[in-house]
N, C-alpha and C. Protein backbone atom coordinates (compact mmCIF):
# COMPACT_ATOMS: atom_id res chain seq x y z
N MET A 1 -26.15 -1.09 -29.43
CA MET A 1 -25.60 -0.98 -28.11
C MET A 1 -24.99 -2.32 -27.72
N ALA A 2 -23.79 -2.28 -27.12
CA ALA A 2 -23.09 -3.50 -26.73
C ALA A 2 -23.71 -4.09 -25.48
N ASN A 3 -23.78 -5.41 -25.46
CA ASN A 3 -24.27 -6.11 -24.29
C ASN A 3 -23.08 -6.79 -23.63
N ILE A 4 -22.71 -6.34 -22.45
CA ILE A 4 -21.53 -6.86 -21.76
C ILE A 4 -21.99 -7.60 -20.52
N THR A 5 -21.54 -8.82 -20.39
CA THR A 5 -21.88 -9.62 -19.22
C THR A 5 -20.58 -10.00 -18.51
N ARG A 6 -20.54 -9.77 -17.22
CA ARG A 6 -19.37 -10.15 -16.42
C ARG A 6 -19.76 -11.35 -15.57
N TYR A 7 -18.90 -12.37 -15.59
CA TYR A 7 -19.14 -13.56 -14.80
C TYR A 7 -18.09 -13.69 -13.72
N THR A 8 -18.49 -14.09 -12.56
CA THR A 8 -17.56 -14.41 -11.47
C THR A 8 -17.95 -15.76 -10.92
N THR A 9 -16.98 -16.51 -10.47
CA THR A 9 -17.25 -17.80 -9.88
C THR A 9 -17.58 -17.59 -8.41
N GLN A 10 -18.76 -17.98 -8.01
CA GLN A 10 -19.20 -17.81 -6.63
C GLN A 10 -19.52 -19.18 -6.05
N PRO A 11 -19.23 -19.39 -4.79
CA PRO A 11 -19.59 -20.67 -4.18
C PRO A 11 -21.11 -20.81 -4.10
N THR A 12 -21.57 -22.05 -4.22
CA THR A 12 -23.01 -22.29 -4.14
C THR A 12 -23.36 -22.77 -2.75
N GLY A 13 -24.60 -22.65 -2.38
CA GLY A 13 -25.04 -23.10 -1.08
C GLY A 13 -25.23 -21.93 -0.14
N ALA A 14 -25.52 -22.27 1.11
CA ALA A 14 -25.78 -21.25 2.13
C ALA A 14 -24.47 -20.65 2.64
N MET A 15 -24.56 -19.39 3.05
CA MET A 15 -23.41 -18.71 3.66
C MET A 15 -23.91 -17.97 4.89
N PRO A 16 -23.01 -17.72 5.84
CA PRO A 16 -23.42 -16.98 7.04
C PRO A 16 -23.96 -15.59 6.67
N LEU A 17 -24.92 -15.11 7.46
CA LEU A 17 -25.53 -13.82 7.21
C LEU A 17 -24.50 -12.70 7.18
N SER A 18 -23.53 -12.71 8.10
CA SER A 18 -22.52 -11.65 8.13
C SER A 18 -21.70 -11.62 6.84
N GLU A 19 -21.37 -12.81 6.31
CA GLU A 19 -20.63 -12.86 5.06
C GLU A 19 -21.48 -12.36 3.89
N ALA A 20 -22.78 -12.69 3.92
CA ALA A 20 -23.68 -12.23 2.86
C ALA A 20 -23.81 -10.71 2.86
N VAL A 21 -23.91 -10.11 4.06
CA VAL A 21 -24.02 -8.65 4.16
C VAL A 21 -22.72 -8.00 3.69
N ASP A 22 -21.57 -8.54 4.11
CA ASP A 22 -20.28 -8.02 3.64
C ASP A 22 -20.19 -8.08 2.12
N ARG A 23 -20.61 -9.19 1.54
CA ARG A 23 -20.58 -9.36 0.09
C ARG A 23 -21.52 -8.36 -0.59
N LEU A 24 -22.68 -8.13 0.00
CA LEU A 24 -23.63 -7.16 -0.54
C LEU A 24 -22.99 -5.78 -0.64
N PHE A 25 -22.33 -5.34 0.44
CA PHE A 25 -21.70 -4.02 0.42
C PHE A 25 -20.54 -3.95 -0.56
N ARG A 26 -19.74 -5.03 -0.64
CA ARG A 26 -18.62 -5.04 -1.58
C ARG A 26 -19.10 -4.94 -3.02
N GLU A 27 -20.17 -5.67 -3.35
CA GLU A 27 -20.63 -5.74 -4.73
C GLU A 27 -21.65 -4.68 -5.11
N ALA A 28 -22.26 -4.03 -4.12
CA ALA A 28 -23.29 -3.03 -4.41
C ALA A 28 -22.67 -1.73 -4.91
N PHE A 29 -21.44 -1.46 -4.51
CA PHE A 29 -20.78 -0.22 -4.91
C PHE A 29 -19.60 -0.57 -5.79
N THR A 30 -19.55 0.02 -6.97
CA THR A 30 -18.41 -0.23 -7.84
C THR A 30 -17.46 0.95 -7.74
N TRP A 31 -16.25 0.66 -7.33
CA TRP A 31 -15.22 1.68 -7.16
C TRP A 31 -14.19 1.49 -8.25
N PRO A 32 -13.68 2.56 -8.83
CA PRO A 32 -12.59 2.40 -9.80
C PRO A 32 -11.45 1.65 -9.13
N ARG A 33 -10.83 0.71 -9.84
CA ARG A 33 -9.77 -0.12 -9.27
C ARG A 33 -8.63 0.73 -8.71
N LEU A 34 -8.37 1.86 -9.33
CA LEU A 34 -7.28 2.72 -8.87
C LEU A 34 -7.50 3.19 -7.45
N PHE A 35 -8.73 3.41 -7.07
CA PHE A 35 -9.02 3.93 -5.74
C PHE A 35 -9.36 2.83 -4.74
N GLY A 36 -9.31 1.58 -5.18
CA GLY A 36 -9.46 0.47 -4.25
C GLY A 36 -10.88 0.31 -3.76
N ASN A 37 -11.02 -0.47 -2.72
CA ASN A 37 -12.31 -0.78 -2.13
C ASN A 37 -12.58 0.19 -1.00
N GLY A 38 -13.68 0.88 -1.06
CA GLY A 38 -14.00 1.86 -0.04
C GLY A 38 -14.20 1.27 1.35
N PHE A 39 -14.40 -0.05 1.44
CA PHE A 39 -14.63 -0.69 2.72
C PHE A 39 -13.45 -1.56 3.13
N SER A 40 -12.27 -1.31 2.59
CA SER A 40 -11.12 -2.13 2.94
C SER A 40 -10.63 -1.80 4.34
N PRO A 41 -10.02 -2.77 5.03
CA PRO A 41 -9.51 -2.51 6.37
C PRO A 41 -8.34 -1.55 6.33
N ASN A 42 -8.05 -0.90 7.47
CA ASN A 42 -6.98 0.09 7.55
C ASN A 42 -5.61 -0.50 7.30
N THR A 43 -5.47 -1.81 7.33
CA THR A 43 -4.15 -2.42 7.17
C THR A 43 -3.73 -2.50 5.71
N SER A 44 -4.62 -2.21 4.79
CA SER A 44 -4.24 -2.31 3.38
C SER A 44 -4.35 -0.95 2.72
N ILE A 45 -3.67 -0.83 1.62
CA ILE A 45 -3.71 0.41 0.86
C ILE A 45 -4.74 0.23 -0.25
N GLY A 46 -5.55 1.26 -0.50
CA GLY A 46 -6.57 1.18 -1.53
C GLY A 46 -5.97 1.11 -2.93
N LEU A 47 -4.83 1.72 -3.12
CA LEU A 47 -4.15 1.67 -4.40
C LEU A 47 -3.51 0.30 -4.56
N THR A 48 -3.44 -0.19 -5.78
CA THR A 48 -2.80 -1.47 -6.04
C THR A 48 -1.32 -1.32 -5.77
N SER A 49 -0.79 -2.13 -4.85
CA SER A 49 0.60 -1.93 -4.44
C SER A 49 1.24 -3.21 -3.94
N ASN A 50 2.57 -3.17 -3.83
CA ASN A 50 3.39 -4.22 -3.22
C ASN A 50 4.27 -3.56 -2.19
N LEU A 51 4.57 -4.27 -1.10
CA LEU A 51 5.50 -3.77 -0.10
C LEU A 51 6.49 -4.88 0.20
N PHE A 52 7.78 -4.56 0.07
CA PHE A 52 8.85 -5.50 0.32
C PHE A 52 9.74 -4.95 1.43
N GLU A 53 10.47 -5.83 2.08
CA GLU A 53 11.38 -5.41 3.14
C GLU A 53 12.74 -6.06 2.92
N THR A 54 13.80 -5.26 3.07
CA THR A 54 15.16 -5.76 3.10
C THR A 54 15.70 -5.47 4.50
N ASN A 55 16.94 -5.83 4.75
CA ASN A 55 17.52 -5.54 6.06
C ASN A 55 17.59 -4.04 6.33
N ASP A 56 17.76 -3.24 5.27
CA ASP A 56 17.99 -1.81 5.44
C ASP A 56 16.83 -0.91 5.05
N SER A 57 15.84 -1.43 4.31
CA SER A 57 14.80 -0.53 3.82
C SER A 57 13.50 -1.27 3.50
N TYR A 58 12.46 -0.46 3.26
CA TYR A 58 11.20 -0.95 2.72
C TYR A 58 11.15 -0.47 1.27
N ILE A 59 10.64 -1.32 0.40
CA ILE A 59 10.49 -0.96 -1.00
C ILE A 59 9.02 -1.13 -1.35
N MET A 60 8.41 -0.04 -1.79
CA MET A 60 6.99 -0.06 -2.12
C MET A 60 6.81 0.24 -3.60
N GLN A 61 5.99 -0.57 -4.25
CA GLN A 61 5.62 -0.35 -5.64
C GLN A 61 4.13 -0.05 -5.68
N VAL A 62 3.77 1.03 -6.37
CA VAL A 62 2.36 1.44 -6.46
C VAL A 62 2.00 1.63 -7.92
N ALA A 63 0.93 0.99 -8.36
CA ALA A 63 0.46 1.15 -9.74
C ALA A 63 -0.32 2.45 -9.84
N LEU A 64 0.19 3.38 -10.64
CA LEU A 64 -0.46 4.68 -10.83
C LEU A 64 -0.53 5.02 -12.32
N PRO A 65 -1.33 4.29 -13.09
CA PRO A 65 -1.41 4.59 -14.52
C PRO A 65 -2.07 5.94 -14.76
N GLY A 66 -1.54 6.67 -15.70
CA GLY A 66 -2.11 7.96 -16.07
C GLY A 66 -1.77 9.10 -15.13
N VAL A 67 -0.90 8.87 -14.16
CA VAL A 67 -0.52 9.92 -13.21
C VAL A 67 0.76 10.58 -13.71
N LYS A 68 0.76 11.90 -13.69
CA LYS A 68 1.97 12.64 -14.05
C LYS A 68 2.84 12.79 -12.80
N PRO A 69 4.15 12.54 -12.90
CA PRO A 69 5.01 12.67 -11.72
C PRO A 69 4.89 14.02 -11.01
N ASP A 70 4.64 15.09 -11.76
CA ASP A 70 4.50 16.41 -11.14
C ASP A 70 3.23 16.53 -10.30
N ASP A 71 2.26 15.64 -10.52
CA ASP A 71 1.00 15.66 -9.77
C ASP A 71 1.05 14.80 -8.50
N LEU A 72 2.21 14.20 -8.20
CA LEU A 72 2.36 13.36 -7.02
C LEU A 72 2.97 14.14 -5.86
N GLN A 73 2.44 13.93 -4.68
CA GLN A 73 3.01 14.46 -3.44
C GLN A 73 3.20 13.27 -2.51
N ILE A 74 4.45 13.05 -2.11
CA ILE A 74 4.78 11.91 -1.27
C ILE A 74 5.48 12.43 -0.03
N SER A 75 5.04 11.97 1.14
CA SER A 75 5.72 12.36 2.37
C SER A 75 5.79 11.15 3.30
N ALA A 76 6.79 11.18 4.18
CA ALA A 76 6.94 10.12 5.18
C ALA A 76 7.31 10.76 6.50
N HIS A 77 6.64 10.30 7.56
CA HIS A 77 6.94 10.77 8.91
C HIS A 77 6.87 9.56 9.83
N GLN A 78 7.99 9.24 10.46
CA GLN A 78 8.12 8.06 11.32
C GLN A 78 7.78 6.82 10.51
N ASN A 79 6.63 6.18 10.75
CA ASN A 79 6.28 4.99 9.98
C ASN A 79 5.03 5.20 9.11
N VAL A 80 4.66 6.44 8.86
CA VAL A 80 3.47 6.73 8.05
C VAL A 80 3.90 7.33 6.71
N LEU A 81 3.50 6.67 5.64
CA LEU A 81 3.77 7.14 4.28
C LEU A 81 2.47 7.70 3.72
N THR A 82 2.53 8.92 3.15
CA THR A 82 1.34 9.57 2.59
C THR A 82 1.56 9.80 1.10
N LEU A 83 0.59 9.37 0.30
CA LEU A 83 0.60 9.57 -1.15
C LEU A 83 -0.62 10.40 -1.52
N ARG A 84 -0.38 11.48 -2.25
CA ARG A 84 -1.47 12.33 -2.77
C ARG A 84 -1.19 12.56 -4.25
N GLY A 85 -2.25 12.70 -5.00
CA GLY A 85 -2.08 12.98 -6.42
C GLY A 85 -3.41 13.00 -7.13
N LYS A 86 -3.31 13.07 -8.44
CA LYS A 86 -4.53 13.02 -9.25
C LYS A 86 -4.21 12.31 -10.55
N THR A 87 -5.23 11.72 -11.08
CA THR A 87 -5.09 11.03 -12.35
C THR A 87 -6.17 11.54 -13.30
N GLU A 88 -5.84 11.56 -14.55
CA GLU A 88 -6.79 12.03 -15.55
C GLU A 88 -6.88 11.01 -16.67
N VAL A 89 -8.09 10.56 -16.93
CA VAL A 89 -8.35 9.66 -18.03
C VAL A 89 -9.35 10.36 -18.94
N ALA A 90 -8.92 10.74 -20.13
CA ALA A 90 -9.76 11.51 -21.04
C ALA A 90 -10.77 10.61 -21.75
N VAL A 91 -12.00 11.08 -21.83
CA VAL A 91 -13.04 10.38 -22.58
C VAL A 91 -12.85 10.74 -24.05
N PRO A 92 -12.81 9.76 -24.93
CA PRO A 92 -12.65 10.07 -26.36
C PRO A 92 -13.79 10.97 -26.85
N ASN A 93 -13.46 11.88 -27.77
CA ASN A 93 -14.45 12.80 -28.32
C ASN A 93 -15.63 12.05 -28.92
N GLY A 94 -16.83 12.45 -28.54
CA GLY A 94 -18.05 11.87 -29.09
C GLY A 94 -18.40 10.50 -28.52
N ALA A 95 -17.63 10.02 -27.54
CA ALA A 95 -17.89 8.69 -26.99
C ALA A 95 -18.82 8.79 -25.78
N GLN A 96 -19.61 7.73 -25.58
CA GLN A 96 -20.51 7.64 -24.44
C GLN A 96 -20.05 6.47 -23.58
N SER A 97 -20.02 6.65 -22.28
CA SER A 97 -19.54 5.61 -21.38
C SER A 97 -20.53 4.46 -21.27
N ILE A 98 -20.01 3.25 -21.32
CA ILE A 98 -20.80 2.05 -21.05
C ILE A 98 -20.54 1.65 -19.60
N TRP A 99 -19.28 1.61 -19.20
CA TRP A 99 -18.88 1.49 -17.80
C TRP A 99 -17.55 2.18 -17.66
N VAL A 100 -17.25 2.66 -16.48
CA VAL A 100 -16.01 3.38 -16.21
C VAL A 100 -15.32 2.69 -15.04
N GLY A 101 -14.18 2.08 -15.31
CA GLY A 101 -13.39 1.40 -14.29
C GLY A 101 -12.09 2.12 -14.01
N MET A 102 -11.74 3.11 -14.84
CA MET A 102 -10.53 3.89 -14.66
C MET A 102 -10.89 5.35 -14.60
N GLY A 103 -11.65 5.71 -13.62
CA GLY A 103 -12.05 7.10 -13.49
C GLY A 103 -10.90 7.98 -13.07
N GLY A 104 -11.00 9.23 -13.37
CA GLY A 104 -9.99 10.19 -12.96
C GLY A 104 -10.39 10.86 -11.67
N GLY A 105 -9.46 11.54 -11.08
CA GLY A 105 -9.76 12.25 -9.86
C GLY A 105 -8.57 12.28 -8.93
N GLU A 106 -8.81 12.83 -7.75
CA GLU A 106 -7.74 12.95 -6.76
C GLU A 106 -7.75 11.74 -5.83
N PHE A 107 -6.58 11.39 -5.31
CA PHE A 107 -6.49 10.32 -4.34
C PHE A 107 -5.59 10.76 -3.19
N HIS A 108 -5.83 10.17 -2.03
CA HIS A 108 -5.05 10.45 -0.82
C HIS A 108 -5.01 9.15 -0.03
N GLU A 109 -3.83 8.59 0.15
CA GLU A 109 -3.66 7.34 0.88
C GLU A 109 -2.60 7.50 1.95
N GLU A 110 -2.84 6.91 3.10
CA GLU A 110 -1.83 6.85 4.16
C GLU A 110 -1.58 5.39 4.48
N VAL A 111 -0.30 5.03 4.55
CA VAL A 111 0.09 3.65 4.81
C VAL A 111 0.95 3.62 6.06
N MET A 112 0.61 2.72 6.99
CA MET A 112 1.45 2.54 8.18
C MET A 112 2.44 1.42 7.86
N LEU A 113 3.72 1.77 7.85
CA LEU A 113 4.77 0.81 7.58
C LEU A 113 5.13 0.07 8.87
N PRO A 114 5.75 -1.11 8.76
CA PRO A 114 6.09 -1.88 9.96
C PRO A 114 7.10 -1.20 10.88
N GLY A 115 7.90 -0.26 10.36
CA GLY A 115 8.91 0.42 11.17
C GLY A 115 9.12 1.84 10.66
N GLU A 116 9.89 2.61 11.42
CA GLU A 116 10.16 4.00 11.04
C GLU A 116 11.15 4.07 9.87
N VAL A 117 10.98 5.12 9.05
CA VAL A 117 11.86 5.30 7.89
C VAL A 117 12.58 6.65 7.98
N ASP A 118 13.71 6.72 7.30
CA ASP A 118 14.50 7.94 7.20
C ASP A 118 14.04 8.68 5.95
N ALA A 119 13.10 9.60 6.10
CA ALA A 119 12.51 10.30 4.95
C ALA A 119 13.54 11.11 4.17
N ASP A 120 14.58 11.62 4.84
CA ASP A 120 15.59 12.42 4.15
C ASP A 120 16.39 11.59 3.15
N SER A 121 16.47 10.28 3.35
CA SER A 121 17.25 9.42 2.44
C SER A 121 16.37 8.62 1.49
N ALA A 122 15.07 8.86 1.50
CA ALA A 122 14.15 8.11 0.64
C ALA A 122 14.31 8.51 -0.83
N ALA A 123 13.97 7.58 -1.72
CA ALA A 123 14.05 7.83 -3.16
C ALA A 123 12.77 7.35 -3.82
N ALA A 124 12.36 8.05 -4.90
CA ALA A 124 11.15 7.68 -5.64
C ALA A 124 11.48 7.66 -7.12
N GLU A 125 10.97 6.64 -7.80
CA GLU A 125 11.16 6.51 -9.25
C GLU A 125 9.82 6.13 -9.87
N TYR A 126 9.47 6.77 -10.99
CA TYR A 126 8.19 6.49 -11.67
C TYR A 126 8.50 6.07 -13.09
N HIS A 127 8.11 4.83 -13.43
CA HIS A 127 8.42 4.32 -14.76
C HIS A 127 7.30 3.38 -15.20
N ASP A 128 6.79 3.60 -16.40
CA ASP A 128 5.73 2.76 -16.98
C ASP A 128 4.51 2.62 -16.06
N GLY A 129 4.12 3.70 -15.40
CA GLY A 129 2.94 3.68 -14.55
C GLY A 129 3.14 3.06 -13.18
N ILE A 130 4.37 2.71 -12.84
CA ILE A 130 4.67 2.12 -11.53
C ILE A 130 5.57 3.07 -10.75
N LEU A 131 5.11 3.47 -9.57
CA LEU A 131 5.90 4.29 -8.66
C LEU A 131 6.65 3.34 -7.73
N THR A 132 7.97 3.45 -7.67
CA THR A 132 8.78 2.63 -6.77
C THR A 132 9.43 3.53 -5.74
N LEU A 133 9.11 3.30 -4.48
CA LEU A 133 9.66 4.07 -3.37
C LEU A 133 10.64 3.21 -2.60
N THR A 134 11.84 3.72 -2.37
CA THR A 134 12.82 3.06 -1.53
C THR A 134 12.93 3.88 -0.26
N LEU A 135 12.52 3.28 0.85
CA LEU A 135 12.41 3.98 2.13
C LEU A 135 13.38 3.35 3.14
N PRO A 136 14.58 3.94 3.31
CA PRO A 136 15.54 3.37 4.26
C PRO A 136 15.00 3.39 5.68
N LYS A 137 15.30 2.33 6.43
CA LYS A 137 14.87 2.24 7.83
C LYS A 137 15.76 3.14 8.69
N THR A 138 15.18 3.64 9.77
CA THR A 138 15.99 4.36 10.74
C THR A 138 16.84 3.34 11.50
N GLU A 139 17.91 3.81 12.11
CA GLU A 139 18.79 2.90 12.83
C GLU A 139 18.05 2.14 13.92
N ARG A 140 17.15 2.79 14.62
CA ARG A 140 16.47 2.10 15.72
C ARG A 140 15.42 1.11 15.26
N SER A 141 15.00 1.17 13.99
CA SER A 141 14.00 0.21 13.52
C SER A 141 14.63 -0.98 12.78
N LYS A 142 15.95 -0.98 12.62
CA LYS A 142 16.62 -2.10 11.96
C LYS A 142 16.70 -3.29 12.92
N VAL A 143 16.64 -4.47 12.35
CA VAL A 143 16.74 -5.68 13.14
C VAL A 143 18.20 -5.88 13.53
N ARG A 144 18.41 -6.21 14.80
CA ARG A 144 19.75 -6.43 15.31
C ARG A 144 19.88 -7.85 15.84
N THR A 145 21.07 -8.40 15.73
CA THR A 145 21.35 -9.73 16.25
C THR A 145 21.89 -9.59 17.67
N ILE A 146 21.36 -10.40 18.55
CA ILE A 146 21.81 -10.39 19.95
C ILE A 146 22.54 -11.70 20.20
N LYS A 147 23.78 -11.61 20.63
CA LYS A 147 24.56 -12.81 20.90
C LYS A 147 24.24 -13.31 22.30
N VAL A 148 24.14 -14.61 22.43
CA VAL A 148 23.83 -15.24 23.69
C VAL A 148 25.13 -15.79 24.28
N SER A 149 25.37 -15.50 25.55
CA SER A 149 26.58 -16.00 26.20
C SER A 149 26.37 -17.45 26.60
N SER A 150 27.43 -18.11 27.02
CA SER A 150 27.37 -19.52 27.36
C SER A 150 26.64 -19.78 28.67
N GLY A 151 26.36 -18.75 29.43
CA GLY A 151 25.62 -18.91 30.67
C GLY A 151 26.48 -19.14 31.89
N GLN A 152 27.79 -19.24 31.71
CA GLN A 152 28.68 -19.42 32.84
C GLN A 152 29.08 -18.07 33.38
N ALA A 153 28.89 -17.88 34.67
CA ALA A 153 29.25 -16.62 35.28
C ALA A 153 30.76 -16.51 35.40
N GLN A 154 31.28 -15.33 35.10
CA GLN A 154 32.71 -15.11 35.22
C GLN A 154 32.98 -14.54 36.60
N ALA A 155 34.15 -14.90 37.15
CA ALA A 155 34.52 -14.41 38.46
C ALA A 155 34.76 -12.92 38.39
N ILE A 156 34.27 -12.21 39.39
CA ILE A 156 34.47 -10.76 39.47
C ILE A 156 35.51 -10.50 40.53
N GLU A 157 36.55 -9.85 40.14
CA GLU A 157 37.62 -9.56 41.08
C GLU A 157 37.38 -8.21 41.71
N GLY A 158 37.48 -8.19 43.02
CA GLY A 158 37.26 -6.96 43.73
C GLY A 158 38.53 -6.50 44.44
N VAL A 159 38.44 -5.41 45.10
CA VAL A 159 39.57 -4.86 45.84
C VAL A 159 39.38 -5.23 47.31
N LYS A 160 40.44 -5.83 47.92
CA LYS A 160 40.37 -6.17 49.34
C LYS A 160 40.66 -4.97 50.16
N LYS A 161 39.93 -4.80 51.24
CA LYS A 161 40.14 -3.66 52.12
C LYS A 161 40.82 -4.09 53.37
């Protein structure tokens, strides 16, 4: 039987009780990396991902190894992006698990984007286990430049009665 030891660098010394309790919960439960941390804040996505912004769109990259494109369901409404799907990782015949970090199963993630997107013009591409979503911004969520006048009031001509 293989003996596997994982080492992590941890700070030494005392730590606040709240930080110790948070660390206990993070380390007490092992979640497959694909499904992220079960105790992560709502501002992050559990799936490993990147989010970029251009003047016209948001570009999101999501690592989805072992996912078949036909098993993905992607929807966007206003500024909420929803990803659903399933992944399957086959156990080799006759093999016994020592640890499982890439478990299979279904996932469901909702991401709040910084602005509204035009779902009708969105595009998705899946290549080498990376899903790339291009989500064009709606006209009202695009950044606009506002010109500042010189501050001098112009004379207003009226009609004499």
